[in-house]
Protein backbone atom coordinates (compact mmCIF):
# COMPACT_ATOMS: atom_id res chain seq x y z
CA MET A 1 20.27 9.95 -22.78
CA LYS A 2 17.64 12.60 -21.92
CA GLU A 3 15.53 11.32 -19.11
CA VAL A 4 12.02 11.09 -19.99
CA LYS A 5 9.45 12.99 -17.34
CA ARG A 6 6.59 10.76 -16.63
CA ILE A 7 3.34 12.12 -16.95
CA THR A 8 1.30 11.78 -13.41
CA THR A 9 -2.18 12.99 -12.28
CA HIS A 10 -0.30 15.84 -10.41
CA VAL A 11 1.13 17.01 -13.87
CA ILE A 12 -2.47 16.58 -15.18
CA LEU A 13 -3.81 18.90 -12.62
CA ASN A 14 -1.23 21.45 -13.11
CA MET A 15 -2.01 21.47 -16.71
CA LYS A 16 -5.46 22.65 -16.10
CA LYS A 17 -4.28 25.43 -13.63
CA GLN A 18 -1.85 26.70 -16.30
CA GLY A 19 -4.39 26.47 -19.12
CA GLU A 20 -2.45 23.84 -21.00
CA LYS A 21 -4.75 21.84 -23.11
CA ILE A 22 -4.43 17.80 -22.33
CA SER A 23 -4.24 15.14 -25.23
CA MET A 24 -5.68 11.77 -24.66
CA LEU A 25 -5.89 8.67 -27.16
CA THR A 26 -7.00 5.18 -27.00
CA ALA A 27 -4.35 2.38 -27.08
CA TYR A 28 -5.10 -1.31 -26.89
CA ASP A 29 -1.70 -3.02 -27.67
CA TYR A 30 2.00 -2.74 -27.30
CA SER A 31 2.93 -1.42 -30.94
CA MET A 32 0.30 1.59 -30.98
CA ALA A 33 1.23 2.36 -27.34
CA ARG A 34 4.65 2.91 -28.06
CA ILE A 35 3.98 5.04 -31.09
CA LEU A 36 1.57 7.21 -29.23
CA ASP A 37 3.89 7.41 -26.14
CA GLU A 38 6.71 8.61 -28.25
CA ALA A 39 4.21 10.99 -30.13
CA GLY A 40 3.83 13.06 -26.62
CA ILE A 41 0.24 12.06 -25.93
CA GLU A 42 -0.18 13.00 -22.27
CA ILE A 43 -2.91 10.08 -21.40
CA LEU A 44 -3.36 6.81 -22.97
CA LEU A 45 -6.81 5.33 -22.27
CA VAL A 46 -7.11 1.74 -22.39
CA GLY A 47 -10.86 1.69 -23.15
CA ASP A 48 -13.58 -0.70 -23.11
CA SER A 49 -14.20 0.53 -26.64
CA ALA A 50 -11.45 -2.36 -27.38
CA SER A 51 -14.86 -4.50 -27.45
CA ASN A 52 -15.72 -2.61 -30.47
CA VAL A 53 -12.59 -1.95 -32.35
CA MET A 54 -10.42 -5.05 -31.41
CA ALA A 55 -13.18 -7.50 -31.00
CA GLY A 56 -15.90 -6.62 -33.05
CA HIS A 57 -18.72 -6.29 -30.58
CA GLU A 58 -21.61 -3.94 -31.19
CA THR A 59 -21.47 -2.52 -27.86
CA THR A 60 -18.87 -2.14 -24.95
CA LEU A 61 -20.71 -4.35 -22.67
CA PRO A 62 -18.92 -8.01 -23.54
CA ILE A 63 -15.48 -7.20 -22.81
CA THR A 64 -14.43 -8.62 -19.44
CA LEU A 65 -12.09 -7.56 -16.57
CA ASP A 66 -9.56 -10.19 -17.58
CA GLN A 67 -9.50 -8.98 -21.27
CA MET A 68 -9.22 -5.37 -19.87
CA ILE A 69 -6.23 -6.36 -18.06
CA TYR A 70 -4.42 -8.06 -21.01
CA HIS A 71 -4.81 -4.77 -23.15
CA ALA A 72 -3.64 -2.77 -20.11
CA GLN A 73 -0.58 -5.00 -19.68
CA SER A 74 0.30 -4.68 -23.44
CA VAL A 75 0.12 -0.99 -23.30
CA ILE A 76 2.18 -0.71 -20.12
CA ARG A 77 5.05 -2.36 -21.74
CA ALA A 78 5.35 0.11 -24.27
CA VAL A 79 4.94 3.52 -22.26
CA LYS A 80 7.88 5.43 -20.67
CA ARG A 81 6.03 8.77 -20.44
CA SER A 82 2.38 8.65 -20.89
CA LEU A 83 -0.31 8.35 -18.00
CA VAL A 84 -2.37 5.02 -18.38
CA VAL A 85 -5.99 5.01 -17.61
CA VAL A 86 -7.90 1.69 -17.54
CA ASP A 87 -11.86 1.44 -18.13
CA LEU A 88 -13.49 -0.55 -15.36
CA PRO A 89 -15.72 -2.70 -17.60
CA PHE A 90 -19.36 -3.13 -17.27
CA GLY A 91 -20.27 -5.27 -14.65
CA SER A 92 -16.96 -4.86 -12.62
CA TYR A 93 -18.11 -1.96 -10.51
CA GLN A 94 -21.73 -1.23 -10.76
CA GLY A 95 -23.58 -1.72 -7.08
CA ASN A 96 -21.22 -3.31 -5.34
CA PRO A 97 -18.27 -1.09 -3.89
CA MET A 98 -16.43 -4.08 -2.49
CA LYS A 99 -16.30 -5.51 -6.06
CA ALA A 100 -15.31 -2.50 -7.72
CA LEU A 101 -12.33 -2.14 -5.35
CA GLU A 102 -11.32 -5.80 -6.05
CA SER A 103 -11.93 -4.92 -9.78
CA ALA A 104 -9.48 -1.82 -9.70
CA ILE A 105 -7.02 -3.36 -7.39
CA ARG A 106 -6.64 -6.35 -9.99
CA ILE A 107 -6.01 -3.90 -13.09
CA MET A 108 -3.47 -1.99 -10.82
CA LYS A 109 -1.65 -4.96 -9.62
CA GLU A 110 -1.83 -7.26 -12.87
CA SER A 111 -1.31 -4.41 -15.40
CA GLY A 112 0.78 -1.73 -13.63
CA ALA A 113 -1.59 0.95 -14.87
CA HIS A 114 -1.53 4.40 -13.23
CA ALA A 115 -5.41 5.03 -12.71
CA VAL A 116 -9.05 3.49 -13.62
CA LYS A 117 -12.04 5.10 -15.20
CA LEU A 118 -15.50 4.50 -14.32
CA GLU A 119 -18.80 5.76 -15.95
CA GLY A 120 -21.56 7.54 -13.99
CA GLY A 121 -22.18 9.99 -11.13
CA SER A 122 -23.77 9.86 -7.93
CA GLU A 123 -25.19 6.17 -8.51
CA ILE A 124 -21.59 4.92 -8.42
CA ILE A 125 -19.88 7.34 -5.98
CA GLU A 126 -19.56 4.58 -3.19
CA SER A 127 -17.37 2.97 -5.95
CA VAL A 128 -15.33 5.80 -6.36
CA VAL A 129 -14.67 6.49 -2.67
CA ARG A 130 -13.81 2.98 -1.97
CA ILE A 131 -11.41 2.73 -4.79
CA LEU A 132 -9.82 6.21 -3.90
CA SER A 133 -9.59 5.01 -0.37
CA ALA A 134 -7.13 2.26 -1.57
CA GLY A 135 -4.96 5.10 -3.00
CA ILE A 136 -5.96 4.41 -6.65
CA PRO A 137 -6.58 7.47 -8.81
CA VAL A 138 -10.08 7.65 -10.71
CA MET A 139 -11.10 9.45 -13.79
CA GLY A 140 -14.90 9.95 -14.12
CA HIS A 141 -17.12 9.88 -16.89
CA LEU A 142 -20.32 11.91 -17.79
CA GLY A 143 -22.68 12.37 -20.53
CA LEU A 144 -23.06 9.47 -22.91
CA THR A 145 -21.81 6.67 -20.82
CA PRO A 146 -21.77 3.79 -23.41
CA GLN A 147 -21.92 0.82 -20.85
CA SER A 148 -25.65 2.27 -20.41
CA ILE A 149 -26.32 2.09 -24.01
CA TYR A 150 -29.73 -0.07 -23.54
CA LYS A 151 -30.89 2.40 -20.70
CA PHE A 152 -30.54 5.26 -23.56
CA GLY A 153 -31.50 3.05 -26.33
CA THR A 154 -29.44 5.62 -28.52
CA TYR A 155 -25.83 6.95 -28.95
CA THR A 156 -27.31 10.63 -29.40
CA VAL A 157 -26.30 13.65 -27.75
CA ARG A 158 -26.68 13.86 -23.87
CA ALA A 159 -28.01 16.38 -21.53
CA LYS A 160 -29.93 18.64 -23.67
CA GLU A 161 -32.81 18.75 -21.54
CA GLU A 162 -32.38 20.96 -18.23
CA ASP A 163 -33.15 18.25 -15.82
CA GLU A 164 -30.35 16.13 -17.39
CA ALA A 165 -27.91 18.89 -17.62
CA ALA A 166 -28.47 19.88 -14.06
CA LYS A 167 -27.68 16.34 -12.86
CA LEU A 168 -24.74 16.29 -14.82
CA LYS A 169 -23.40 19.59 -13.32
CA GLU A 170 -23.95 18.10 -9.96
CA ASP A 171 -22.48 14.94 -10.70
CA ALA A 172 -19.14 16.65 -12.13
CA ILE A 173 -18.90 18.79 -8.64
CA LEU A 174 -19.34 15.40 -6.78
CA LEU A 175 -16.71 13.42 -8.47
CA ALA A 176 -14.28 16.61 -8.24
CA GLU A 177 -15.11 16.91 -4.59
CA THR A 178 -14.89 13.05 -3.83
CA GLY A 179 -11.33 13.14 -5.03
CA CYS A 180 -11.30 12.13 -8.97
CA PHE A 181 -8.34 13.92 -10.86
CA GLY A 182 -10.21 14.24 -13.86
CA ILE A 183 -13.78 13.67 -15.74
CA VAL A 184 -14.43 12.41 -19.51
CA LEU A 185 -17.32 14.51 -20.91
CA GLU A 186 -18.95 12.72 -23.81
CA LYS A 187 -21.30 13.93 -26.37
CA ILE A 188 -22.91 16.78 -24.37
CA PRO A 189 -23.59 20.36 -25.84
CA ALA A 190 -20.36 22.66 -25.86
CA HIS A 191 -21.93 25.33 -23.53
CA LEU A 192 -22.57 22.58 -20.83
CA ALA A 193 -19.19 21.36 -21.07
CA LYS A 194 -17.72 24.88 -20.85
CA GLU A 195 -20.08 25.47 -17.76
CA VAL A 196 -18.76 22.16 -16.15
CA SER A 197 -15.01 22.87 -16.93
CA GLU A 198 -15.19 26.37 -15.47
CA SER A 199 -17.24 25.01 -12.07
CA ILE A 200 -14.47 22.45 -11.13
CA SER A 201 -10.75 22.32 -10.21
CA ILE A 202 -10.20 19.21 -11.95
CA PRO A 203 -9.54 18.48 -15.83
CA THR A 204 -12.32 17.88 -18.16
CA ILE A 205 -11.42 15.72 -21.17
CA GLY A 206 -13.87 16.01 -24.03
CA ILE A 207 -15.14 13.85 -26.82
CA GLY A 208 -17.85 15.40 -28.88
CA ALA A 209 -18.42 17.82 -26.09
CA GLY A 210 -16.97 21.20 -27.92
CA ARG A 211 -13.57 23.00 -27.74
CA TYR A 212 -13.88 24.31 -24.05
CA THR A 213 -13.03 21.42 -22.25
CA ASP A 214 -9.43 21.10 -20.76
CA GLY A 215 -8.53 18.23 -23.33
CA GLN A 216 -9.80 16.02 -25.85
CA VAL A 217 -9.72 12.44 -26.37
CA LEU A 218 -10.47 10.28 -29.68
CA VAL A 219 -10.44 6.42 -30.25
CA SER A 220 -7.06 6.11 -31.88
CA HIS A 221 -8.47 3.80 -34.63
CA ASP A 222 -11.16 6.56 -35.59
CA LEU A 223 -8.37 9.05 -35.85
CA LEU A 224 -6.27 6.96 -37.95
CA GLY A 225 -9.43 6.01 -40.23
CA ILE A 226 -8.81 2.33 -39.50
CA THR A 227 -12.48 2.13 -38.61
CA LYS A 228 -14.32 2.58 -41.82
CA ASP A 229 -18.22 3.52 -41.31
CA PHE A 230 -17.99 5.28 -37.93
CA LYS A 231 -18.29 9.20 -38.93
CA PRO A 232 -19.90 11.10 -36.27
CA ARG A 233 -19.43 14.98 -36.37
CA PHE A 234 -16.80 15.22 -33.61
CA LEU A 235 -14.60 13.09 -35.28
CA ARG A 236 -11.84 14.72 -37.28
CA ARG A 237 -9.70 11.82 -39.53
CA TYR A 238 -5.98 12.43 -39.62
CA LEU A 239 -5.27 9.53 -41.81
CA GLU A 240 -7.43 7.25 -43.92
CA LEU A 241 -5.56 3.88 -43.09
CA TYR A 242 -8.41 1.45 -44.04
CA GLU A 243 -7.87 2.15 -47.80
CA THR A 244 -4.02 2.68 -47.42
CA ILE A 245 -3.78 -0.71 -45.52
CA MET A 246 -6.17 -2.63 -47.92
CA MET A 247 -4.22 -1.15 -51.17
CA ALA A 248 -0.73 -2.47 -49.47
CA ALA A 249 -2.26 -5.78 -48.89
CA GLN A 250 -3.80 -6.09 -52.39
CA GLU A 251 -0.43 -5.22 -53.84
CA TYR A 252 1.18 -7.70 -51.68
CA ALA A 253 -1.17 -10.61 -52.93
CA GLN A 254 -0.56 -9.63 -56.39
CA ASP A 255 3.21 -9.73 -55.96
CA VAL A 256 3.09 -13.01 -54.41
CA LYS A 257 0.85 -14.34 -56.85
CA SER A 258 3.00 -13.00 -59.87
CA GLY A 259 6.00 -14.47 -58.40
CA ASP A 260 7.45 -10.85 -57.67
CA PHE A 261 7.79 -11.28 -54.28
CA PRO A 262 10.33 -12.36 -52.78
CA ASN A 263 12.80 -11.06 -55.26
CA GLU A 264 16.65 -11.90 -55.42
CA LYS A 265 17.47 -9.41 -52.81
CA GLU A 266 14.69 -10.65 -50.30
CA GLN A 267 15.97 -14.12 -49.92
CA TYR A 268 19.06 -15.78 -48.32
C-alpha cells in the first residue's frame, strides 16, 4: 500500500518557494473531511464559519472553544494527509496572551490538530508570540476579519483606502517576521493581495482576494451549493447540492408514502 505523505507547515512553505498553488477548504465533520482529504486538498480549515453553516448563527461570534474542539476532533479522525488548521474562536485570545495560549493548547491537546488561526495583526501579536513560543504553528488572517463584524458594521471589501491598505501590509510583514507559517487574506483588492504576497516569504491564502495569492480557500458548503442564499462575487459554485439533496429527499418521501420503498429486495 502506498504511503501517504502528510502535508506539514514545512511542505506549505516549500510550495510557495516552488510557485505551487495551495488549495484549502473548510471541514467541520468526519464524513466531509474524509472526502476532502482523499481529494488531495492541502489544508483543511476547521473554521469558526461552523457557527454559520453548521449552527445557523448570523455571525461567527457565538461559537465556543468547546464547540471548535468538537469539530476539530471530528475532522482529525478522518484525515490521513491534509494539514488541519483550527480557528481560535472569538473571545478565546483577544486581549489576553495567556488565555490565547491556553486556548491554543486545548485545541492541540484535545483535538490533535496541527495549527491554529487567529484574526488580526499588531493588536494580537502578543498572543501570536505566546502561542508560537509553545511550539504551536500559527496562521494569520487579515483583511475582512469576520470576528470584528460589529466594528466594521458590514462584510464589504476591506483595505480600499490607503491607510487601511498600509496597515494591512505592515501587519502581514509583522506576522511573517514573528513566525506565522501563512496568512489568509479575505476580501481585499487583488492588487493589494499581490503586493502583500510578493513582500513576504510565507504563503498567502486568498478568499475574495484575487488570483495573485499563493493559494485559495472557500467554505466547502458554499463551493458545493449547500448554502442557498450566499452568492458573493468571489464564490465559484462547483455543484448545486441544495436542489439535488432536496429533490432526493422529496423523492424518498414520495416513495415511502406510496409504499414503493422499501421494495422486496430492500427487506430481510
